[in-house]
Amino acid sequence: MDKQLEMYLTRMLPSSDEWVSKLENYAYTHGVPIMEPLGINFLMQLVRLQKPTNILEIGTAIGYSSLRMLEACPSASIVTVERDENRYMEAVNNIKDLNKQKNIHVIHGDALEVVDLVVEKGPYDLLFIDAAKGQYQRFFEMYSKHLTEDAVIISDNVLFKGLVADQSLENERLSKIARKINSYNEWLVNHPDYRTTIVPIGDGVAISVKR
């Protein structure tokens, strides 16, 4: 997105509660990857439209996205998975500080290994994927089986700061991640069972629904 346009849209965002600013400042200070302002605002609007009963999030970090999704749909139940122990504990504490532990259940472990724990709390109306970029397709394949018929699958960071379209990238590590995300995007848009739209907002958000 054009930088000037992005700044304009960011200025148009509604003001947030103090707890939101506190979590955002903590994330930026400590290098915790959370959704950008335009991206999280878009995700929240999708949640408002979908009105999910059960949400599954892959990649909790410090609990920011879970708490914002709950803000958008206070009646929802959210299961979120985080493999990093420190991030897991931070998320649990942040959720408890806001007294939201009845609505948000954090599972500590690799999403590829704690399937049984996740499945027993399903099925889910919304799946939000925001974890290890190289595993997006596996997450999608594994958990799309445990969704309701009208569920929506949302994948974040699918444009990877625009690097998915940069063929001249010299940084090998970033180039490798960009190639993996590009492969995931191509797999998504050609999926025989889902229709996907990629929206160039935030770091790129893919929205997938069953055909």
Foldseek 3Di string as FASTA:
>chain_A
DPPVVQVVVLVVDDDDDPLLVVVVVVCVVVVFDDFDPFVLVVVLVVLLVLLKQEEEEEACQQNNSVVSNCVSRVNHAYEYEDADPVSQVNNVVSCVVVPNCVRYHYHHHHCVPCLVVVLVPDQIQEYEYDDQLLCVVVNCVSNVVRYDQWHKYKYPLLCVQVCLVPPPDPPVVSVVSSVSSVVVVVCQCPPPFWHWDWDPIGNIMIMIGGD
